Each structure stands twice: as structure tokens, then as C-alpha cells.
Protein backbone atom coordinates (compact mmCIF):
# COMPACT_ATOMS: atom_id res chain seq x y z
CA MET A 1 18.97 137.98 -133.59
CA ASN A 2 22.09 137.20 -130.96
CA SER A 3 20.35 135.21 -128.78
CA GLY A 4 23.53 132.79 -128.16
CA SER A 5 25.68 133.37 -125.11
CA GLN A 6 28.89 134.93 -125.88
CA SER A 7 32.30 133.39 -125.38
CA ALA A 8 34.61 134.45 -122.98
CA ASN A 9 37.68 134.06 -125.86
CA GLU A 10 37.80 136.40 -128.65
CA LYS A 11 38.81 134.08 -131.20
CA HIS A 12 35.71 132.11 -130.56
CA SER A 13 33.31 134.81 -129.73
CA ARG A 14 30.18 136.02 -132.12
CA PRO A 15 31.46 138.77 -134.59
CA ALA A 16 28.92 141.53 -134.36
CA GLY A 17 25.89 141.41 -136.78
CA VAL A 18 26.17 137.38 -136.94
CA GLY A 19 22.71 135.70 -136.24
CA ASP A 20 21.68 132.37 -134.06
CA ALA A 21 20.63 130.83 -137.58
CA THR A 22 24.32 131.55 -139.32
CA VAL A 23 26.14 130.31 -136.00
CA GLU A 24 23.77 127.13 -136.00
CA ALA A 25 24.82 126.41 -139.95
CA LEU A 26 28.44 126.95 -139.85
CA GLY A 27 28.35 125.08 -136.63
CA GLU A 28 26.83 122.37 -138.09
CA LEU A 29 28.64 122.51 -141.41
CA SER A 30 32.02 122.00 -138.91
CA LYS A 31 30.12 118.91 -137.73
CA ALA A 32 29.82 117.80 -140.75
CA LEU A 33 33.79 118.50 -141.98
CA GLU A 34 34.52 116.81 -138.71
CA THR A 35 32.91 113.85 -139.74
CA ILE A 36 34.75 113.82 -143.10
CA HIS A 37 37.71 113.62 -141.02
CA ARG A 38 37.23 110.75 -139.34
CA VAL A 39 36.12 109.22 -142.80
CA ARG A 40 39.91 109.95 -143.95
CA GLY A 41 41.04 108.43 -140.81
CA HIS A 42 39.14 105.25 -141.93
CA LEU A 43 40.21 105.46 -145.33
CA TYR A 44 44.03 105.73 -144.08
CA SER A 45 43.28 102.89 -141.63
CA ALA A 46 41.54 100.48 -144.54
CA HIS A 47 45.28 101.33 -146.99
CA GLN A 48 47.45 100.12 -143.78
CA LEU A 49 45.21 97.13 -143.22
CA VAL A 50 45.22 96.21 -147.25
CA GLY A 51 48.36 96.90 -147.79
CA GLY A 52 49.58 94.76 -144.42
CA ALA A 53 47.18 91.96 -145.95
CA ASP A 54 48.85 92.37 -148.82
CA LEU A 55 52.64 91.89 -147.66
CA THR A 56 51.32 89.08 -145.38
CA LEU A 57 50.13 86.79 -148.56
CA ASP A 58 54.04 86.69 -149.30
CA ARG A 59 54.44 84.52 -146.46
CA VAL A 60 51.26 82.81 -147.42
CA VAL A 61 52.53 81.85 -150.58
CA LYS A 62 55.85 80.74 -148.96
CA LEU A 63 54.12 78.49 -146.44
CA LEU A 64 51.75 76.97 -149.03
CA ARG A 65 55.14 75.89 -151.33
CA GLU A 66 56.38 74.63 -148.43
CA ALA A 67 53.46 72.04 -147.36
CA GLY A 68 53.48 71.34 -151.18
CA HIS A 69 49.94 73.20 -152.13
CA ASP A 70 51.41 74.26 -155.17
CA GLU A 71 48.71 74.93 -156.81
CA THR A 72 46.39 76.94 -154.04
CA ALA A 73 49.66 79.42 -153.65
CA ASP A 74 49.78 80.03 -157.49
CA ARG A 75 46.03 81.09 -156.98
CA VAL A 76 47.27 83.70 -154.16
CA GLU A 77 50.04 84.62 -156.01
CA ARG A 78 48.24 85.21 -159.43
CA GLU A 79 44.93 86.18 -158.32
CA LEU A 80 45.16 87.76 -155.05
CA LEU A 81 49.12 89.11 -154.84
CA GLY A 82 49.33 92.86 -155.61
CA ARG A 83 45.18 93.02 -156.90
CA ASN A 84 43.56 96.14 -157.23
CA VAL A 85 40.92 96.54 -154.39
CA LEU A 86 38.67 98.83 -157.09
CA PRO A 87 39.17 98.97 -160.83
CA GLY A 88 42.19 100.27 -161.97
CA ARG A 89 43.45 101.00 -158.27
CA TRP A 90 45.36 100.31 -154.99
CA THR A 91 44.24 102.06 -151.69
CA PHE A 92 46.85 104.83 -151.85
CA GLN A 93 45.32 106.12 -155.01
CA ILE A 94 41.92 105.75 -153.81
CA VAL A 95 43.00 108.14 -150.59
CA GLU A 96 45.08 109.97 -153.07
CA GLU A 97 41.69 110.79 -155.00
CA PHE A 98 39.56 111.48 -151.94
CA ASP A 99 42.01 113.79 -150.60
CA ASP A 100 42.63 115.83 -153.53
CA GLY A 101 39.26 115.67 -154.59
CA TYR A 102 35.77 115.43 -151.57
CA TYR A 103 38.15 116.15 -148.78
CA ALA A 104 39.80 119.12 -150.29
CA ALA A 105 36.49 120.71 -151.58
CA PHE A 106 34.59 120.09 -148.06
CA GLN A 107 37.79 121.69 -146.50
CA GLU A 108 37.91 124.85 -148.95
CA ILE A 109 33.99 125.30 -148.67
CA GLU A 110 33.79 125.05 -144.78
CA ARG A 111 36.78 128.02 -144.39
CA ASP A 112 35.44 130.27 -146.94
CA ALA A 113 32.04 129.90 -145.40
CA ARG A 114 33.53 130.83 -141.87
CA GLU A 115 35.27 133.28 -143.87
CA LYS A 116 32.43 135.08 -145.43
CA LEU A 117 29.87 134.80 -142.48
CA ALA A 118 32.18 135.00 -139.10
CA GLY A 119 35.47 136.86 -140.18
CA GLY A 120 37.00 133.17 -139.93
CA ARG A 121 36.53 132.50 -136.75
CA ARG A 122 36.04 128.91 -135.84
CA HIS A 123 33.27 126.85 -133.32
CA ILE A 124 31.39 129.68 -132.62
CA PHE A 125 28.16 127.53 -131.85
CA GLU A 126 30.38 125.17 -129.40
CA ALA A 127 32.31 128.03 -127.35
CA GLU A 128 28.81 129.43 -127.02
CA MET A 129 27.71 126.23 -125.61
CA LYS A 130 30.21 125.91 -123.77
CA GLU A 131 29.74 129.25 -121.74
CA ARG A 132 26.02 128.55 -121.52
CA ARG A 133 27.24 125.10 -119.70
CA ARG A 134 29.83 126.09 -117.28
CA THR A 135 29.38 126.34 -113.66
CA HIS A 136 31.20 129.88 -113.14
CA GLY A 137 33.67 130.20 -110.27
CA MET A 138 33.85 126.16 -110.06
CA PRO A 139 37.23 124.28 -110.48
CA GLY A 140 37.60 122.93 -114.04
CA HIS A 141 34.95 125.28 -115.83
CA GLU A 142 37.30 128.03 -116.24
CA ALA A 143 36.34 129.76 -119.63
CA THR A 144 39.82 129.83 -120.97
CA PRO A 145 43.53 128.30 -119.80
């Protein structure tokens, strides 16, 4: 039931009675949440990139007008400048919906699972892996800071 190595760090050690399958499942849930954190970062990157591109269109319109291309400038201004990236949404709205919906639910479910199944302890799977893989007594392989 408890074949994993114990962590040298109490806050990452496996609580009594918590089996390998539970530790592995919580490790996978944590891994999935970490992926969602990365997705959130990519959404914020997209938000900033789209916003920057939209602001650059002001200069595009100005340069097109200076070059005598009013028809093209008008089209950029009318059809692109300030355009929704999805129906009814700018990127800030997409980020807010993601944060308040899927992201918040994912974090809450992961936290609840840890609380109920492992006393709230995080990264038990990784801590046990560290203990199995480190070379005891070797510099740079210490169990804790």
C-alpha cells in the first residue's frame, strides 16, 4: 500500500494510510494543473500580443494615409482596428472567462482532492521520486535546503 520512499521533508511526506495509487493520482492531477497554468500563461501572451498588434494598427493607418492609400487605411481602420477576436469578445474577456471558469474550477478541484486524500500536502509523488533518485551524501543531492 505504501511502496514509495518517504520524503525527508515532512510537508511533502505521505500521510499514514495513503496508498501508492492515491499518490500517483494526485501527482497526475497536479501535473495536469501545471499544464493548465501554462495554458493560462499562453492566453495572457496572446492577450498582450493581440493588444500590441491592435495598437500598431494606429501607426499602420497613419502611414497608409501619408502614403496616399486612404482606401486601404479606411479598411484597416474599419475592419481590424478594435475588432473582436471572438464574437463579442476582446482578449481580456477571454482571459477573464477562462480565469473565472475553467481555471478556477481546476484549481479548486485539485486543492479539494489534496485536502481530502492527502491532508493538503502537495507534490508527494515528486518528493518521493526525489528521494529515490538522489545520491545520499553527495553535494547537490541534499534532501532539503
